[in-house]
Amino acid sequence: MEYAIVFITLAAIFGFFMAWGIGANDVANAMGTSVGSKAVTIKQAIIIAAVFEFAGAFLAGGEVTATIRRGMVDASLLADSPELLVYGMLAALLAAAIWLLVASSAGWPVSTTHTIVGAIVGFAAVGIGMEAVHWGKVGNIVMSWLVSPLLAGIVSYGLFTSVQRLILDTDDPLKNAKRYVPFYIFMVGFIVALVTMLKGLTHVGLDFTTAESYGVAFLVGIVTTLIGVWMISKLRFRAEDDSDFHFANVERVFGVLMIFTACAMAFAHGSNDVANAVGPVAAVVGVAKTGVVEARSVMPAWILLLGGVGIVIGLMTYGKRVIATVGSGITELTPSRGFAATLAAAAVVVFASGTGLPISTTHTLVGGVLGVGLARGIAALNLNVVRTIFMSWVITLPAGAILAIFFFFTLKGIFS
């Protein structure tokens, strides 16, 4: 294919820019609850994200990639003009990356999934034709955006209610925190490990049966719990700390739990959202190398690597603004509240990642935070911030589409 090297180079640059945007915006969402609840510092959040986002992207990031690319545009219509898919995917990456830069600088937690889907649908509908878009698939994805915050909200509401009943509203909250928090830690380890195993690690040479997956997940849960119990045993509790805030010592125990949920959320996010950056890159590389549009193209390891590295650099260089919005803007978070929101979101995201549904991590996490806020009553929510977030969500889809259409015709003009 003519210009093949140019297209692959542009795909790598735009894909890295997009991954950087995901790091600046989406990872900041994932870490916002941990930083906002004072369970981890911003430096620790960056280290956790660097390790677990990368692991999630590299180990479990393959499944969603196929869904987001293959499902929405009819590849058969591009058989005679594969270069249109190349222009479109490059345009979608650049459009999404620029919108994420704008949103991150304003501190809006927008959805990278929204952005890239809007961009792909925009270029396909205008550049190829309305019939090129699988509107049914787009409808399913839009439904998942409504369902994911609702699900996370319900799960986090239930989790925080269980924390209130078992620990906070009892005669001896600290004793009960030490008793029950290890069970929550086990849940974190078990859920994340199980979904990762069931989803499959064949691309890194590991293949487990269902029974083996449950066994490994159970072992991971036990090991995680033992580490957590050891960390709790190292904590020092002072009765006078509870004089100002009745649950100061209890929240210290939950601080340990938040470290585990932060790791889980980072892993879940990496596995689900790396697809937004690497899916279009893989499509461009596939077409540039073979000259034909394939329904599935192999995901080379270097592309997953590019996505993982870009995400981490984005968080390190530009993540602070969105962390502030999610961590303290929506509702006041403590480690026990942050835990409920984060674990609920992580569970929903890893489940969606395992089923190949490209949900929005942002929507899911905000849903989790709203659920925790509602468990304490509507007055606990900052409705102005919530309104701004919802408005930024509405703008995201058309913004991605309009930018992608502009870049699509620009690239088409340059190369054809």
Protein backbone atom coordinates (compact mmCIF):
# COMPACT_ATOMS: atom_id res chain seq x y z
CA MET A 1 0.00 0.00 0.00
CA GLU A 2 1.27 3.46 -0.94
CA TYR A 3 2.28 5.58 2.10
CA ALA A 4 2.15 2.43 4.32
CA ILE A 5 5.10 3.55 6.47
CA VAL A 6 3.63 7.06 6.80
CA PHE A 7 0.25 5.66 7.91
CA ILE A 8 1.81 3.30 10.48
CA THR A 9 3.96 6.15 11.86
CA LEU A 10 0.96 8.50 12.09
CA ALA A 11 -1.12 5.75 13.75
CA ALA A 12 1.61 5.22 16.36
CA ILE A 13 1.90 8.98 17.06
CA PHE A 14 -1.88 9.61 17.22
CA GLY A 15 -2.41 6.40 19.22
CA PHE A 16 0.19 7.51 21.75
CA PHE A 17 -1.46 10.97 21.94
CA MET A 18 -4.84 9.29 22.52
CA ALA A 19 -3.37 6.99 25.23
CA TRP A 20 -1.83 10.09 26.85
CA GLY A 21 -5.31 11.66 26.90
CA ILE A 22 -6.77 8.54 28.50
CA GLY A 23 -4.08 8.78 31.20
CA ALA A 24 -4.72 12.48 31.79
CA ASN A 25 -8.50 12.09 31.99
CA ASP A 26 -9.67 8.55 32.61
CA VAL A 27 -6.91 7.28 34.88
CA ALA A 28 -7.35 10.42 36.92
CA ASN A 29 -10.98 9.29 37.35
CA ALA A 30 -9.86 5.86 38.46
CA MET A 31 -7.45 7.30 41.04
CA GLY A 32 -9.65 10.23 42.11
CA THR A 33 -11.49 8.34 44.86
CA SER A 34 -8.26 7.04 46.39
CA VAL A 35 -6.60 10.48 46.43
CA GLY A 36 -9.80 12.30 47.42
CA SER A 37 -10.37 10.03 50.42
CA LYS A 38 -6.73 10.66 51.53
CA ALA A 39 -6.05 6.90 51.38
CA VAL A 40 -3.12 7.44 49.03
CA THR A 41 -1.06 10.49 48.05
CA ILE A 42 -0.90 11.68 44.45
CA LYS A 43 2.62 10.20 44.12
CA GLN A 44 1.46 6.79 45.39
CA ALA A 45 -1.54 6.96 43.03
CA ILE A 46 0.78 7.49 40.07
CA ILE A 47 2.94 4.50 41.08
CA ILE A 48 -0.12 2.25 41.57
CA ALA A 49 -1.53 3.38 38.23
CA ALA A 50 1.78 2.92 36.45
CA VAL A 51 2.05 -0.72 37.55
CA PHE A 52 -1.59 -1.86 37.42
CA GLU A 53 -2.86 0.17 34.44
CA PHE A 54 0.02 -1.20 32.45
CA ALA A 55 -0.61 -4.77 33.66
CA GLY A 56 -4.32 -4.49 32.84
CA ALA A 57 -3.66 -3.08 29.39
CA PHE A 58 -1.00 -5.64 28.54
CA LEU A 59 -2.49 -8.79 30.14
CA ALA A 60 -6.20 -8.25 29.71
CA GLY A 61 -6.55 -5.52 27.09
CA GLY A 62 -7.18 -7.64 23.99
CA GLU A 63 -10.89 -8.55 24.21
CA VAL A 64 -12.50 -5.10 24.07
CA THR A 65 -10.24 -4.01 21.24
CA ALA A 66 -12.04 -6.24 18.75
CA THR A 67 -15.50 -5.05 19.88
CA ILE A 68 -14.90 -1.35 19.50
CA ARG A 69 -13.43 -1.60 16.04
CA ARG A 70 -15.20 -4.50 14.38
CA GLY A 71 -18.68 -3.95 15.71
CA MET A 72 -19.49 -0.44 14.58
CA VAL A 73 -18.40 -0.03 10.96
CA ASP A 74 -19.35 -2.40 8.14
CA ALA A 75 -15.94 -3.56 6.89
CA SER A 76 -17.39 -5.05 3.67
CA LEU A 77 -18.27 -1.56 2.34
CA LEU A 78 -14.57 -0.64 2.50
CA ALA A 79 -13.29 -3.65 0.56
CA ASP A 80 -12.65 -1.59 -2.61
CA SER A 81 -11.24 1.47 -0.80
CA PRO A 82 -9.32 0.33 2.31
CA GLU A 83 -7.55 3.70 2.48
CA LEU A 84 -10.85 5.26 3.70
CA LEU A 85 -10.65 3.13 6.86
CA VAL A 86 -7.06 4.33 7.39
CA TYR A 87 -8.06 8.02 7.07
CA GLY A 88 -11.07 7.43 9.29
CA MET A 89 -9.21 5.67 12.10
CA LEU A 90 -6.39 8.25 12.05
CA ALA A 91 -9.00 11.04 12.13
CA ALA A 92 -10.87 9.35 15.00
CA LEU A 93 -7.68 9.01 17.08
CA LEU A 94 -6.63 12.62 16.54
CA ALA A 95 -10.15 13.96 17.18
CA ALA A 96 -10.56 11.97 20.39
CA ALA A 97 -7.10 12.93 21.65
CA ILE A 98 -7.73 16.65 21.10
CA TRP A 99 -11.13 16.54 22.84
CA LEU A 100 -9.55 14.74 25.83
CA LEU A 101 -6.88 17.44 26.03
CA VAL A 102 -9.59 20.15 26.12
CA ALA A 103 -11.67 18.28 28.73
CA SER A 104 -8.67 17.49 30.95
CA SER A 105 -7.52 21.11 30.99
CA ALA A 106 -11.04 22.11 32.14
CA GLY A 107 -11.04 19.34 34.79
CA TRP A 108 -14.05 17.55 33.23
CA PRO A 109 -14.13 13.77 33.73
CA VAL A 110 -15.40 12.79 30.27
CA SER A 111 -15.56 9.35 28.70
CA THR A 112 -12.78 8.26 26.36
CA THR A 113 -15.08 5.49 25.12
CA HIS A 114 -17.74 8.11 24.27
CA THR A 115 -15.13 10.21 22.52
CA ILE A 116 -13.68 7.48 20.28
CA VAL A 117 -17.11 5.97 19.49
CA GLY A 118 -18.44 9.44 18.55
CA ALA A 119 -15.38 9.99 16.35
CA ILE A 120 -15.65 6.61 14.56
CA VAL A 121 -19.41 6.95 14.00
CA GLY A 122 -18.91 10.54 12.73
CA PHE A 123 -16.32 9.69 10.08
CA ALA A 124 -18.15 6.51 8.98
CA ALA A 125 -21.56 8.16 8.62
CA VAL A 126 -20.25 11.18 6.66
CA GLY A 127 -17.17 9.77 4.92
CA ILE A 128 -18.53 6.37 3.84
CA GLY A 129 -22.32 6.59 4.23
CA MET A 130 -24.99 6.18 6.90
CA GLU A 131 -25.37 2.50 5.98
CA ALA A 132 -21.72 1.86 6.95
CA VAL A 133 -22.55 2.31 10.65
CA HIS A 134 -24.06 -0.63 12.53
CA TRP A 135 -26.60 1.51 14.36
CA GLY A 136 -27.79 -1.49 16.40
CA LYS A 137 -24.28 -1.97 17.81
CA VAL A 138 -24.03 1.76 18.53
CA GLY A 139 -27.38 1.51 20.32
CA ASN A 140 -26.07 -1.34 22.50
CA ILE A 141 -23.01 0.71 23.42
CA VAL A 142 -25.13 3.76 24.27
CA MET A 143 -27.35 1.53 26.45
CA SER A 144 -24.25 0.26 28.26
CA TRP A 145 -23.35 3.88 29.10
CA LEU A 146 -26.70 4.29 30.87
CA VAL A 147 -26.58 0.87 32.52
CA SER A 148 -22.97 1.07 33.78
CA PRO A 149 -23.36 4.10 36.14
CA LEU A 150 -26.71 2.71 37.31
CA LEU A 151 -25.19 -0.72 38.07
CA ALA A 152 -22.16 0.79 39.82
CA GLY A 153 -24.43 3.14 41.78
CA ILE A 154 -26.59 0.23 43.00
CA VAL A 155 -23.55 -1.93 43.89
CA SER A 156 -21.75 0.92 45.72
CA TYR A 157 -24.97 1.84 47.58
CA GLY A 158 -25.27 -1.80 48.71
CA LEU A 159 -21.59 -2.06 49.65
CA PHE A 160 -21.60 1.16 51.68
CA THR A 161 -24.86 0.14 53.40
CA SER A 162 -23.16 -3.14 54.40
CA VAL A 163 -20.21 -1.13 55.79
CA GLN A 164 -22.62 1.02 57.81
CA ARG A 165 -24.51 -2.01 59.21
CA LEU A 166 -21.49 -4.25 59.94
CA ILE A 167 -19.00 -1.61 61.10
CA LEU A 168 -19.91 2.09 61.36
CA ASP A 169 -23.26 1.79 63.18
CA THR A 170 -22.07 -0.77 65.76
CA ASP A 171 -20.99 -0.37 69.42
CA ASP A 172 -17.32 -1.12 68.61
CA PRO A 173 -16.62 0.07 65.03
CA LEU A 174 -12.83 -0.42 65.24
CA LYS A 175 -13.09 -4.04 66.40
CA ASN A 176 -15.63 -4.79 63.66
CA ALA A 177 -13.50 -3.01 61.05
CA LYS A 178 -10.57 -5.30 61.88
CA ARG A 179 -12.94 -8.30 61.69
CA TYR A 180 -14.74 -7.54 58.42
CA VAL A 181 -12.27 -5.53 56.28
CA PRO A 182 -10.23 -8.68 55.46
CA PHE A 183 -13.38 -10.17 53.85
CA TYR A 184 -13.74 -7.07 51.66
CA ILE A 185 -10.03 -7.37 50.72
CA PHE A 186 -10.65 -11.02 49.73
CA MET A 187 -13.54 -9.87 47.49
CA VAL A 188 -11.27 -7.38 45.71
CA GLY A 189 -8.54 -9.96 44.97
CA PHE A 190 -11.00 -12.71 44.01
CA ILE A 191 -13.19 -10.63 41.65
CA VAL A 192 -10.34 -9.04 39.69
CA ALA A 193 -8.37 -12.29 39.41
CA LEU A 194 -11.43 -14.32 38.39
CA VAL A 195 -12.52 -12.00 35.60
CA THR A 196 -8.95 -11.76 34.29
CA MET A 197 -8.66 -15.57 34.22
CA LEU A 198 -12.09 -16.17 32.66
CA LYS A 199 -11.40 -13.54 30.04
CA GLY A 200 -8.34 -15.47 28.99
CA LEU A 201 -4.61 -14.91 29.03
CA THR A 202 -3.92 -17.02 25.96
CA HIS A 203 -2.12 -14.11 24.24
CA VAL A 204 0.54 -14.26 26.98
CA GLY A 205 0.77 -18.06 26.82
CA LEU A 206 -1.54 -18.97 29.74
CA ASP A 207 -4.66 -21.07 29.21
CA PHE A 208 -6.83 -22.05 32.19
CA THR A 209 -10.02 -24.14 32.43
CA THR A 210 -12.98 -22.62 34.32
CA ALA A 211 -12.24 -24.75 37.41
CA GLU A 212 -8.56 -23.74 37.36
CA SER A 213 -9.57 -20.08 36.97
CA TYR A 214 -11.73 -20.25 40.11
CA GLY A 215 -8.90 -22.02 41.97
CA VAL A 216 -6.30 -19.42 40.99
CA ALA A 217 -8.71 -16.55 41.79
CA PHE A 218 -9.41 -18.07 45.23
CA LEU A 219 -5.65 -18.33 45.90
CA VAL A 220 -5.10 -14.72 44.77
CA GLY A 221 -7.94 -13.67 47.11
CA ILE A 222 -6.33 -15.51 50.05
CA VAL A 223 -2.86 -14.05 49.37
CA THR A 224 -4.33 -10.54 49.02
CA THR A 225 -6.19 -10.99 52.32
CA LEU A 226 -3.05 -12.15 54.15
CA ILE A 227 -1.12 -9.12 52.88
CA GLY A 228 -4.01 -6.89 53.99
CA VAL A 229 -4.21 -8.44 57.47
CA TRP A 230 -0.45 -7.97 57.88
CA MET A 231 -0.74 -4.30 56.82
CA ILE A 232 -3.63 -3.72 59.26
CA SER A 233 -1.58 -5.32 62.08
CA LYS A 234 1.12 -2.69 61.48
CA LEU A 235 -1.31 0.22 62.05
CA ARG A 236 -1.12 2.18 65.32
CA PHE A 237 -4.46 3.27 66.83
CA ARG A 238 -4.85 6.10 69.36
CA ALA A 239 -8.13 6.68 71.21
CA GLU A 240 -7.65 10.47 71.22
CA ASP A 241 -7.73 10.53 67.40
CA ASP A 242 -11.43 9.67 67.56
CA SER A 243 -12.28 12.78 69.61
CA ASP A 244 -12.64 15.10 66.58
CA PHE A 245 -13.87 12.54 64.05
CA HIS A 246 -15.54 9.53 65.64
CA PHE A 247 -14.30 7.09 62.96
CA ALA A 248 -10.69 8.29 62.50
CA ASN A 249 -9.17 4.94 63.53
CA VAL A 250 -11.76 2.91 61.61
CA GLU A 251 -10.96 4.90 58.46
CA ARG A 252 -7.28 3.98 58.92
CA VAL A 253 -8.26 0.32 58.50
CA PHE A 254 -10.25 1.24 55.40
CA GLY A 255 -7.22 3.14 54.12
CA VAL A 256 -5.45 -0.23 53.76
CA LEU A 257 -8.46 -1.58 51.85
CA MET A 258 -8.45 1.47 49.56
CA ILE A 259 -4.91 0.64 48.43
CA PHE A 260 -6.21 -2.73 47.18
CA THR A 261 -9.30 -1.24 45.51
CA ALA A 262 -7.12 1.42 43.84
CA CYS A 263 -4.96 -1.37 42.35
CA ALA A 264 -8.10 -3.22 41.23
CA MET A 265 -9.59 -0.13 39.61
CA ALA A 266 -6.33 0.68 37.81
CA PHE A 267 -6.11 -2.90 36.48
CA ALA A 268 -9.78 -2.86 35.44
CA HIS A 269 -9.38 0.48 33.71
CA GLY A 270 -6.23 -0.56 31.85
CA SER A 271 -7.89 -3.74 30.58
CA ASN A 272 -11.04 -1.96 29.37
CA ASP A 273 -9.93 1.45 28.13
CA VAL A 274 -6.62 0.71 26.40
CA ALA A 275 -8.84 -0.49 23.53
CA ASN A 276 -9.86 3.09 22.84
CA ALA A 277 -6.30 3.98 21.90
CA VAL A 278 -4.94 0.73 20.44
CA GLY A 279 -8.00 -0.54 18.52
CA PRO A 280 -7.81 2.08 15.76
CA VAL A 281 -3.99 1.76 15.66
CA ALA A 282 -4.27 -2.00 15.08
CA ALA A 283 -6.83 -1.39 12.30
CA VAL A 284 -4.52 1.07 10.51
CA VAL A 285 -1.47 -1.20 10.86
CA GLY A 286 -3.49 -4.17 9.56
CA VAL A 287 -4.67 -2.31 6.44
CA ALA A 288 -1.30 -0.64 5.79
CA LYS A 289 0.51 -3.99 5.85
CA THR A 290 -1.96 -6.13 3.87
CA GLY A 291 -3.85 -3.56 1.80
CA VAL A 292 -7.17 -5.21 2.70
CA VAL A 293 -9.76 -4.53 5.38
CA GLU A 294 -10.04 -7.54 7.67
CA ALA A 295 -12.85 -8.07 10.16
CA ARG A 296 -10.25 -8.86 12.80
CA SER A 297 -6.63 -7.84 12.84
CA VAL A 298 -4.00 -9.28 15.14
CA MET A 299 -2.95 -7.06 18.01
CA PRO A 300 0.86 -6.81 17.91
CA ALA A 301 2.47 -6.59 21.37
CA TRP A 302 4.16 -3.27 20.53
CA ILE A 303 0.76 -1.58 20.10
CA LEU A 304 -0.44 -2.71 23.57
CA LEU A 305 2.92 -1.53 24.92
CA LEU A 306 2.46 1.87 23.24
CA GLY A 307 -1.00 2.19 24.81
CA GLY A 308 0.18 1.17 28.27
CA VAL A 309 3.13 3.59 28.30
CA GLY A 310 1.03 6.48 26.91
CA ILE A 311 -1.61 6.04 29.63
CA VAL A 312 0.95 6.17 32.44
CA ILE A 313 2.71 9.27 31.03
CA GLY A 314 -0.67 11.03 30.63
CA LEU A 315 -1.51 10.55 34.30
CA MET A 316 1.93 11.65 35.48
CA THR A 317 1.99 14.83 33.42
CA TYR A 318 -1.61 16.07 33.41
CA GLY A 319 -3.88 14.03 35.70
CA LYS A 320 -4.22 16.34 38.72
CA ARG A 321 -7.19 18.45 37.56
CA VAL A 322 -9.59 15.61 36.92
CA ILE A 323 -8.45 13.86 40.13
CA ALA A 324 -9.62 16.95 42.05
CA THR A 325 -13.09 16.89 40.43
CA VAL A 326 -13.77 13.20 41.09
CA GLY A 327 -11.95 12.97 44.41
CA SER A 328 -13.54 15.88 46.24
CA GLY A 329 -15.92 17.72 43.89
CA ILE A 330 -18.92 15.35 43.77
CA THR A 331 -19.18 14.38 47.44
CA GLU A 332 -16.86 14.33 50.44
CA LEU A 333 -15.04 11.00 50.43
CA THR A 334 -13.51 9.03 53.28
CA PRO A 335 -11.67 5.70 52.76
CA SER A 336 -14.82 3.67 53.64
CA ARG A 337 -16.92 5.61 51.11
CA GLY A 338 -14.15 5.62 48.50
CA PHE A 339 -13.77 1.84 48.88
CA ALA A 340 -17.46 1.21 48.16
CA ALA A 341 -17.43 3.46 45.08
CA THR A 342 -14.17 2.08 43.69
CA LEU A 343 -14.86 -1.63 44.24
CA ALA A 344 -18.34 -1.27 42.72
CA ALA A 345 -16.90 0.47 39.67
CA ALA A 346 -14.02 -2.01 39.32
CA ALA A 347 -16.40 -4.99 39.52
CA VAL A 348 -18.69 -3.53 36.83
CA VAL A 349 -15.74 -2.59 34.58
CA VAL A 350 -13.96 -5.95 34.79
CA PHE A 351 -17.28 -7.70 34.16
CA ALA A 352 -17.88 -5.53 31.08
CA SER A 353 -14.31 -6.01 29.93
CA GLY A 354 -14.75 -9.79 30.23
CA THR A 355 -17.92 -9.69 28.11
CA GLY A 356 -16.40 -7.34 25.53
CA LEU A 357 -18.82 -4.47 26.21
CA PRO A 358 -17.08 -1.10 25.79
CA ILE A 359 -18.59 0.71 28.76
CA SER A 360 -17.28 3.98 30.09
CA THR A 361 -15.05 3.73 33.15
CA THR A 362 -15.80 7.38 33.86
CA HIS A 363 -19.55 6.90 33.91
CA THR A 364 -19.17 3.77 36.03
CA LEU A 365 -16.96 5.44 38.61
CA VAL A 366 -19.07 8.59 38.81
CA GLY A 367 -22.10 6.29 39.24
CA GLY A 368 -20.27 4.56 42.12
CA VAL A 369 -19.45 7.88 43.81
CA LEU A 370 -23.06 9.07 43.38
CA GLY A 371 -24.31 5.79 44.91
CA VAL A 372 -22.15 6.32 48.01
CA GLY A 373 -23.30 9.95 48.23
CA LEU A 374 -26.96 8.90 48.02
CA ALA A 375 -26.43 6.31 50.77
CA ARG A 376 -25.77 9.33 53.02
CA GLY A 377 -28.68 11.38 51.62
CA ILE A 378 -29.05 13.72 48.61
CA ALA A 379 -27.63 16.65 50.61
CA ALA A 380 -24.22 14.90 50.59
CA LEU A 381 -23.92 15.51 46.83
CA ASN A 382 -22.61 18.70 45.19
CA LEU A 383 -25.33 18.97 42.55
CA ASN A 384 -23.58 21.82 40.66
CA VAL A 385 -20.53 19.61 40.00
CA VAL A 386 -22.81 16.69 39.07
CA ARG A 387 -24.66 18.94 36.57
CA THR A 388 -21.38 20.10 34.96
CA ILE A 389 -20.19 16.49 34.63
CA PHE A 390 -23.44 15.40 32.96
CA MET A 391 -23.26 18.36 30.55
CA SER A 392 -19.67 17.46 29.56
CA TRP A 393 -20.87 13.87 28.88
CA VAL A 394 -23.60 15.12 26.53
CA ILE A 395 -21.17 17.33 24.56
CA THR A 396 -18.54 14.58 24.20
CA LEU A 397 -20.17 12.44 21.49
CA PRO A 398 -20.91 15.26 19.00
CA ALA A 399 -17.52 16.91 19.75
CA GLY A 400 -15.70 13.68 18.83
CA ALA A 401 -17.82 13.25 15.69
CA ILE A 402 -17.40 16.82 14.37
CA LEU A 403 -13.62 16.84 14.91
CA ALA A 404 -13.25 13.41 13.27
CA ILE A 405 -15.23 14.50 10.18
CA PHE A 406 -12.96 17.53 9.79
CA PHE A 407 -9.74 15.48 10.12
CA PHE A 408 -11.09 12.72 7.85
CA PHE A 409 -11.58 15.10 4.92
CA THR A 410 -8.25 16.83 5.67
CA LEU A 411 -6.33 13.50 5.52
CA LYS A 412 -8.29 12.40 2.44
CA GLY A 413 -7.32 15.68 0.72
CA ILE A 414 -3.64 15.26 1.60
CA PHE A 415 -3.18 11.59 0.61
CA SER A 416 -5.57 11.02 -2.28
